[in-house]
Protein backbone atom coordinates (compact mmCIF):
# COMPACT_ATOMS: atom_id res chain seq x y z
CA UNK A 1 5.78 8.01 -6.91
CA UNK A 2 4.62 10.90 -8.45
CA UNK A 3 0.84 9.63 -8.79
CA UNK A 4 1.06 11.53 -12.58
CA UNK A 5 3.96 9.06 -13.03
CA UNK A 6 2.11 6.31 -12.10
CA UNK A 7 -0.89 6.89 -13.82
CA UNK A 8 1.17 7.60 -17.04
CA UNK A 9 2.49 4.15 -16.63
CA UNK A 10 -0.32 2.30 -16.32
CA UNK A 11 -2.23 4.61 -19.35
CA UNK A 12 0.71 2.75 -21.27
CA UNK A 13 0.94 -0.22 -20.04
CA UNK A 14 -2.68 -1.15 -20.51
CA UNK A 15 -2.25 -0.08 -23.99
CA UNK A 16 0.69 -1.43 -25.54
CA UNK A 17 0.13 -5.06 -23.21
CA UNK A 18 -0.84 -7.04 -25.64
CA UNK A 19 1.65 -5.64 -28.62
CA UNK A 20 4.34 -6.62 -30.39
CA UNK A 21 7.61 -5.99 -28.59
CA UNK A 22 8.40 -3.47 -31.84
CA UNK A 23 5.71 -1.39 -30.95
CA UNK A 24 6.40 -1.89 -27.58
CA UNK A 25 9.20 -0.69 -27.55
CA UNK A 26 8.43 1.85 -30.29
CA UNK A 27 5.57 3.47 -27.62
CA UNK A 28 8.15 3.23 -24.52
CA UNK A 29 9.83 5.47 -26.11
CA UNK A 30 7.78 8.29 -26.79
CA UNK A 31 7.25 9.02 -22.85
CA UNK A 32 9.76 10.30 -19.84
CA UNK A 33 12.02 7.76 -18.98
CA UNK A 34 10.78 7.97 -15.68
CA UNK A 35 7.39 6.19 -16.72
CA UNK A 36 8.85 4.34 -19.36
CA UNK A 37 11.01 2.42 -16.55
CA UNK A 38 7.90 2.11 -14.56
CA UNK A 39 6.18 0.45 -17.77
CA UNK A 40 8.62 -1.74 -18.28
CA UNK A 41 8.96 -3.56 -15.24
CA UNK A 42 5.29 -4.85 -15.13
CA UNK A 43 5.68 -5.55 -18.95
CA UNK A 44 8.41 -8.04 -17.93
CA UNK A 45 6.24 -8.87 -14.71
CA UNK A 46 2.98 -10.04 -16.41
CA UNK A 47 5.62 -11.59 -19.40
CA UNK A 48 7.63 -13.59 -16.75
CA UNK A 49 4.15 -14.58 -15.08
CA UNK A 50 1.76 -14.82 -17.90
CA UNK A 51 -1.02 -13.60 -15.88
CA UNK A 52 -2.82 -16.16 -17.86
CA UNK A 53 -5.53 -16.74 -14.56
CA UNK A 54 -6.36 -12.65 -14.70
CA UNK A 55 -7.38 -12.74 -18.87
CA UNK A 56 -8.30 -16.18 -19.71
CA UNK A 57 -10.92 -17.40 -18.63
CA UNK A 58 -10.49 -21.27 -19.90
CA UNK A 59 -8.19 -21.55 -16.44
CA UNK A 60 -10.70 -21.91 -14.38
CA UNK A 61 -8.26 -24.56 -12.53
CA UNK A 62 -5.51 -21.94 -11.44
CA UNK A 63 -8.71 -19.75 -9.48
CA UNK A 64 -9.40 -23.56 -8.09
CA UNK A 65 -6.05 -23.98 -6.98
CA UNK A 66 -5.45 -20.09 -5.88
CA UNK A 67 -8.26 -20.82 -3.79
CA UNK A 68 -6.98 -23.91 -2.72
CA UNK A 69 -3.73 -22.46 -1.51
CA UNK A 70 -4.87 -19.34 0.45
CA UNK A 71 -7.75 -21.49 2.46
CA UNK A 72 -5.06 -23.52 3.99
CA UNK A 73 -2.88 -20.46 5.21
CA UNK A 74 -3.20 -20.27 8.87
CA UNK A 75 -4.57 -16.63 10.49
CA UNK A 76 -0.61 -15.54 11.68
CA UNK A 77 -0.76 -14.00 15.25
CA UNK A 78 1.50 -10.53 13.81
CA UNK A 79 2.08 -9.39 10.83
CA UNK A 80 5.00 -6.46 11.19
CA UNK A 81 3.94 -4.39 13.88
CA UNK A 82 0.55 -5.14 14.45
CA UNK A 83 -1.76 -8.00 16.14
CA UNK A 84 -3.55 -9.52 14.13
CA UNK A 85 -7.09 -9.89 15.73
CA UNK A 86 -9.29 -11.46 13.09
CA UNK A 87 -9.93 -12.63 9.54
CA UNK A 88 -12.09 -10.33 7.56
CA UNK A 89 -12.14 -11.91 4.60
CA UNK A 90 -9.86 -14.01 1.46
CA UNK A 91 -10.10 -14.54 -1.91
CA UNK A 92 -8.11 -16.04 -4.30
CA UNK A 93 -5.59 -13.64 -4.27
CA UNK A 94 -5.46 -12.70 -0.70
CA UNK A 95 -6.43 -12.58 2.59
CA UNK A 96 -7.93 -9.45 5.09
CA UNK A 97 -7.40 -9.18 8.20
CA UNK A 98 -8.18 -6.86 11.59
CA UNK A 99 -5.67 -5.78 13.89
CA UNK A 100 -4.28 -3.27 15.94
CA UNK A 101 -0.40 -1.64 16.03
CA UNK A 102 1.14 -3.14 19.02
CA UNK A 103 1.95 0.26 20.30
CA UNK A 104 -0.37 2.92 19.10
CA UNK A 105 -3.28 0.38 19.72
CA UNK A 106 -4.85 1.60 16.30
CA UNK A 107 -7.17 -0.92 14.95
CA UNK A 108 -6.50 -1.01 10.65
CA UNK A 109 -7.04 -3.77 7.96
CA UNK A 110 -4.30 -5.55 6.59
CA UNK A 111 -4.63 -6.73 3.16
CA UNK A 112 -1.54 -9.35 2.22
CA UNK A 113 -1.14 -11.59 -0.74
CA UNK A 114 -1.03 -15.80 -1.03
CA UNK A 115 1.41 -17.76 -1.50
CA UNK A 116 -0.18 -18.19 -4.85
CA UNK A 117 -0.34 -14.18 -5.46
CA UNK A 118 3.67 -13.33 -4.44
CA UNK A 119 4.49 -13.58 -8.08
CA UNK A 120 6.04 -10.21 -9.91
CA UNK A 121 2.77 -9.95 -11.95
CA UNK A 122 0.61 -10.01 -8.65
CA UNK A 123 2.48 -7.46 -7.02
CA UNK A 124 2.56 -5.04 -9.59
CA UNK A 125 -1.79 -5.56 -9.74
CA UNK A 126 -0.93 -4.92 -5.76
CA UNK A 127 1.57 -1.67 -6.45
CA UNK A 128 -1.80 -0.58 -8.74
CA UNK A 129 -4.33 -1.20 -5.77
CA UNK A 130 -3.01 0.65 -3.14
CA UNK A 131 -1.68 3.66 -6.35
CA UNK A 132 -5.91 3.38 -6.58
CA UNK A 133 -7.13 3.76 -3.43
CA UNK A 134 -4.41 5.94 -1.92
CA UNK A 135 -6.30 8.51 -4.60
CA UNK A 136 -9.69 8.26 -3.14
CA UNK A 137 -11.19 10.57 -0.47
CA UNK A 138 -14.41 9.65 -0.08
CA UNK A 139 -16.37 8.20 3.08
CA UNK A 140 -17.56 5.50 0.86
CA UNK A 141 -14.60 4.08 -0.41
CA UNK A 142 -11.82 2.64 2.41
CA UNK A 143 -8.93 4.83 3.22
CA UNK A 144 -5.13 4.00 2.59
CA UNK A 145 -2.66 4.33 5.44
CA UNK A 146 0.42 2.76 3.60
CA UNK A 147 2.20 -0.42 3.24
CA UNK A 148 5.31 -2.50 3.62
CA UNK A 149 6.78 -5.35 3.34
CA UNK A 150 6.81 -8.38 6.11
CA UNK A 151 9.02 -10.77 5.40
CA UNK A 152 8.76 -10.90 1.28
CA UNK A 153 5.12 -9.73 2.04
CA UNK A 154 3.22 -6.83 0.80
CA UNK A 155 1.20 -5.61 2.95
CA UNK A 156 -1.44 -2.82 2.43
CA UNK A 157 -2.85 -1.34 5.62
CA UNK A 158 -5.53 0.63 5.71
CA UNK A 159 -9.03 1.81 7.32
CA UNK A 160 -10.77 -0.88 9.59
CA UNK A 161 -14.87 -0.63 8.18
CA UNK A 162 -16.91 -1.89 11.18
CA UNK A 163 -20.32 -3.92 10.33
CA UNK A 164 -22.01 -6.08 8.42
CA UNK A 165 -21.32 -7.19 4.75
CA UNK A 166 -24.25 -6.04 2.16
CA UNK A 167 -24.66 -10.06 0.96
CA UNK A 168 -24.91 -10.73 4.18
CA UNK A 169 -27.25 -8.21 4.84
CA UNK A 170 -29.40 -9.61 1.85
CA UNK A 171 -29.38 -13.26 2.44
CA UNK A 172 -31.02 -12.44 5.97
CA UNK A 173 -34.06 -10.94 4.35
CA UNK A 174 -33.00 -7.36 2.52
CA UNK A 175 -33.99 -4.02 3.04
CA UNK A 176 -36.83 -2.51 2.60
CA UNK A 177 -37.81 -0.55 -0.88
CA UNK A 178 -36.95 2.89 0.55
CA UNK A 179 -33.87 2.03 2.67
CA UNK A 180 -32.33 -0.04 -0.11
CA UNK A 181 -33.31 2.77 -2.61
CA UNK A 182 -31.23 5.39 -0.73
CA UNK A 183 -28.58 2.89 -0.17
CA UNK A 184 -28.05 2.38 -3.35
CA UNK A 185 -28.13 6.14 -3.81
CA UNK A 186 -24.73 6.55 -1.29
CA UNK A 187 -23.51 4.20 -2.99
CA UNK A 188 -23.36 5.40 -6.38
CA UNK A 189 -21.89 8.88 -4.56
CA UNK A 190 -18.57 6.20 -3.62
CA UNK A 191 -18.27 5.06 -8.02
CA UNK A 192 -18.81 8.61 -9.07
CA UNK A 193 -16.03 9.65 -7.10
CA UNK A 194 -14.19 7.16 -7.97
CA UNK A 195 -15.04 7.69 -12.00
CA UNK A 196 -13.91 10.56 -11.49
CA UNK A 197 -10.29 9.71 -10.52
CA UNK A 198 -10.39 7.41 -13.87
CA UNK A 199 -11.13 4.36 -11.59
CA UNK A 200 -13.63 1.54 -12.80
CA UNK A 201 -14.44 -0.54 -9.69
CA UNK A 202 -15.19 -3.95 -12.29
CA UNK A 203 -16.87 -5.81 -9.60
CA UNK A 204 -19.44 -4.31 -7.95
CA UNK A 205 -22.06 -6.25 -6.23
CA UNK A 206 -22.86 -7.71 -2.06
CA UNK A 207 -19.59 -8.46 -1.35
CA UNK A 208 -17.59 -6.30 -1.72
CA UNK A 209 -19.87 -3.53 0.00
CA UNK A 210 -19.48 -3.10 3.55
CA UNK A 211 -22.22 -1.38 5.47
CA UNK A 212 -20.86 1.16 8.21
CA UNK A 213 -22.81 0.77 11.64
CA UNK A 214 -24.06 4.62 11.41
CA UNK A 215 -27.49 5.32 11.01
CA UNK A 216 -28.67 5.41 7.89
CA UNK A 217 -26.15 3.12 7.14
CA UNK A 218 -22.81 3.97 4.45
CA UNK A 219 -22.08 1.42 2.15
CA UNK A 220 -18.28 1.41 1.47
CA UNK A 221 -17.11 0.35 -1.80
CA UNK A 222 -13.87 -2.34 -0.72
CA UNK A 223 -11.44 -4.84 -3.20
CA UNK A 224 -10.78 -1.72 -5.83
CA UNK A 225 -8.27 -5.23 -6.61
CA UNK A 226 -9.51 -5.09 -10.76
CA UNK A 227 -9.92 -1.90 -10.68
CA UNK A 228 -8.74 -0.36 -14.25
CA UNK A 229 -8.26 3.23 -15.22
CA UNK A 230 -10.41 4.48 -17.66
CA UNK A 231 -9.83 3.61 -21.40
CA UNK A 232 -7.15 0.83 -20.61
CA UNK A 233 -7.08 -2.24 -21.83
CA UNK A 234 -9.81 -4.58 -20.42
CA UNK A 235 -8.99 -8.13 -19.28
CA UNK A 236 -11.69 -11.16 -18.14
CA UNK A 237 -12.61 -9.56 -14.59
CA UNK A 238 -14.91 -9.64 -12.14
CA UNK A 239 -18.28 -11.92 -10.00
CA UNK A 240 -20.37 -12.98 -13.18
CA UNK A 241 -23.68 -12.39 -11.80
CA UNK A 242 -22.98 -8.71 -11.64
CA UNK A 243 -20.10 -8.16 -14.39
CA UNK A 244 -21.10 -6.35 -17.76
CA UNK A 245 -21.37 -8.37 -21.03
CA UNK A 246 -18.78 -6.70 -22.42
CA UNK A 247 -16.15 -7.47 -19.93
CA UNK A 248 -16.49 -10.86 -20.32
CA UNK A 249 -15.18 -9.99 -23.86
CA UNK A 250 -12.30 -8.72 -22.34
CA UNK A 251 -13.37 -4.75 -23.66
CA UNK A 252 -11.80 -1.99 -23.02
CA UNK A 253 -13.22 -0.40 -18.99
CA UNK A 254 -15.21 2.37 -19.24
CA UNK A 255 -18.06 3.75 -16.49
CA UNK A 256 -21.58 1.81 -18.28
CA UNK A 257 -19.21 -1.23 -16.65
CA UNK A 258 -20.18 -0.33 -13.07
CA UNK A 259 -23.53 0.85 -14.80
CA UNK A 260 -24.64 -2.51 -15.83
CA UNK A 261 -23.18 -3.65 -11.65
CA UNK A 262 -25.28 -1.26 -10.04
CA UNK A 263 -27.74 -2.68 -12.16
CA UNK A 264 -27.61 -5.69 -11.06
CA UNK A 265 -26.64 -4.89 -7.89
CA UNK A 266 -29.99 -2.31 -7.05
CA UNK A 267 -32.69 -4.99 -8.69
CA UNK A 268 -31.22 -7.45 -6.49
CA UNK A 269 -31.71 -5.24 -3.43
CA UNK A 270 -35.06 -4.18 -4.98
CA UNK A 271 -36.54 -8.15 -5.95
CA UNK A 272 -34.60 -9.70 -3.50
CA UNK A 273 -32.41 -12.18 -6.29
CA UNK A 274 -30.17 -10.82 -8.81
CA UNK A 275 -31.85 -10.87 -12.31
CA UNK A 276 -29.56 -13.78 -13.62
CA UNK A 277 -27.77 -16.36 -11.30
CA UNK A 278 -24.50 -17.88 -12.60
CA UNK A 279 -23.25 -19.39 -9.80
CA UNK A 280 -21.90 -22.44 -11.53
CA UNK A 281 -21.60 -20.88 -14.78
CA UNK A 282 -18.26 -20.69 -17.34
CA UNK A 283 -17.43 -17.38 -18.87
CA UNK A 284 -18.87 -18.70 -22.05
CA UNK A 285 -22.32 -19.09 -20.32
CA UNK A 286 -22.54 -16.75 -18.49
CA UNK A 287 -22.12 -14.22 -21.70
CA UNK A 288 -24.37 -16.58 -23.54
CA UNK A 289 -27.16 -15.73 -20.76
CA UNK A 290 -26.63 -11.96 -20.34
CA UNK A 291 -27.05 -11.81 -24.03
CA UNK A 292 -30.53 -14.10 -24.11
CA UNK A 293 -31.51 -12.09 -20.61
CA UNK A 294 -35.43 -10.93 -20.65
CA UNK A 295 -35.89 -9.17 -17.39
CA UNK A 296 -39.75 -8.59 -15.92
CA UNK A 297 -41.24 -5.16 -15.94
CA UNK A 298 -43.51 -6.44 -13.58
CA UNK A 299 -41.27 -7.21 -10.60
CA UNK A 300 -40.46 -3.42 -10.10
CA UNK A 301 -42.39 -0.90 -9.45
CA UNK A 302 -42.31 1.88 -12.43
CA UNK A 303 -40.57 4.34 -10.88
CA UNK A 304 -37.46 1.69 -10.79
CA UNK A 305 -37.85 0.24 -13.70
CA UNK A 306 -34.40 2.52 -15.43
CA UNK A 307 -33.20 -0.43 -13.67
CA UNK A 308 -33.22 -2.70 -16.80
CA UNK A 309 -32.37 -0.54 -19.36
CA UNK A 310 -28.78 -0.43 -16.83
CA UNK A 311 -28.99 -3.68 -17.67
CA UNK A 312 -29.10 -3.86 -21.52
CA UNK A 313 -26.42 -5.88 -22.91
CA UNK A 314 -25.77 -3.34 -25.93
CA UNK A 315 -23.62 -0.19 -23.13
CA UNK A 316 -24.79 2.57 -25.62
CA UNK A 317 -28.36 1.52 -24.28
CA UNK A 318 -27.65 2.14 -21.35
CA UNK A 319 -27.50 5.65 -18.98
CA UNK A 320 -24.07 6.49 -20.06
CA UNK A 321 -22.75 7.66 -16.38
CA UNK A 322 -23.86 6.38 -12.93
CA UNK A 323 -25.32 10.06 -12.22
CA UNK A 324 -27.00 9.21 -15.44
CA UNK A 325 -28.09 6.39 -14.07
CA UNK A 326 -29.09 8.17 -10.10
CA UNK A 327 -30.26 10.63 -12.01
CA UNK A 328 -32.74 8.28 -14.00
CA UNK A 329 -34.01 6.11 -10.87
CA UNK A 330 -34.50 9.80 -8.86
CA UNK A 331 -32.05 8.96 -6.21
CA UNK A 332 -30.66 12.44 -5.99
CA UNK A 333 -27.81 14.18 -6.75
CA UNK A 334 -24.68 11.57 -6.91
CA UNK A 335 -21.19 13.23 -6.78
CA UNK A 336 -23.04 16.67 -6.28
């Protein structure tokens, strides 16, 4: 697929998904036929599915059902031409396995959709993740090798990243301050690269970062499944401890949303805990808590206190870009 067609279709999809049918058709009529066909296919899939589990904070029960379905799915011995060796992670919409190609022996990671996620709308999001990752060329973002269909299940073939999850490292005692700052700077460089391609990650958190077994450890940002094109339509997405408040309102995704998440991650790296614990909160409760959150500047050394500005409720108060966030913290020249 032509990347330009995909990008234009996704931008149009984001812009018209919440419009009435007449206005949708009017705007579809203004674009080239190939963009129109792809966008219409996605609209039909979303309309058929409702996609409520992605856009409605009130339907948390659907996420619970999805989790249960994924938890009961046994690890397969083979997927396509690959021998599955290990489960690397699972979420409500899919599972990631380590695997080896049966003839070449090449090691890869395979991401498959769960039974709950094998719907037309879920396939649209899966296709979007494939296209998003295929455009990225950075050591801090996994490479995509391709995708295939395995007996009706879409499978993404991507680089296997060896190393610990940052969440596990933090749970085991974390990093020293200098090492934490250096790691945050390297992660920011990957996010700047993604933003340069117009992609907002929207779910930056320790569980989505794996550290390559290098010296120093290279952070790799995983799971672009809910990434969005800058300026596209918003939805409620992300992990409550780290997500920007405006994302909880379904606002248009912009780079400052990832700045907030990087600020929350930085706070946890340097203090040992996220700025606010929302593990058991509802979306509504999380929004209220974030809007009233008061951070203790004394928990940070003076040169680390720009993290507080990154965690501002008002996006206009935050550093406008990740590069500006990096400069404020004196972490180096991200993206340079």
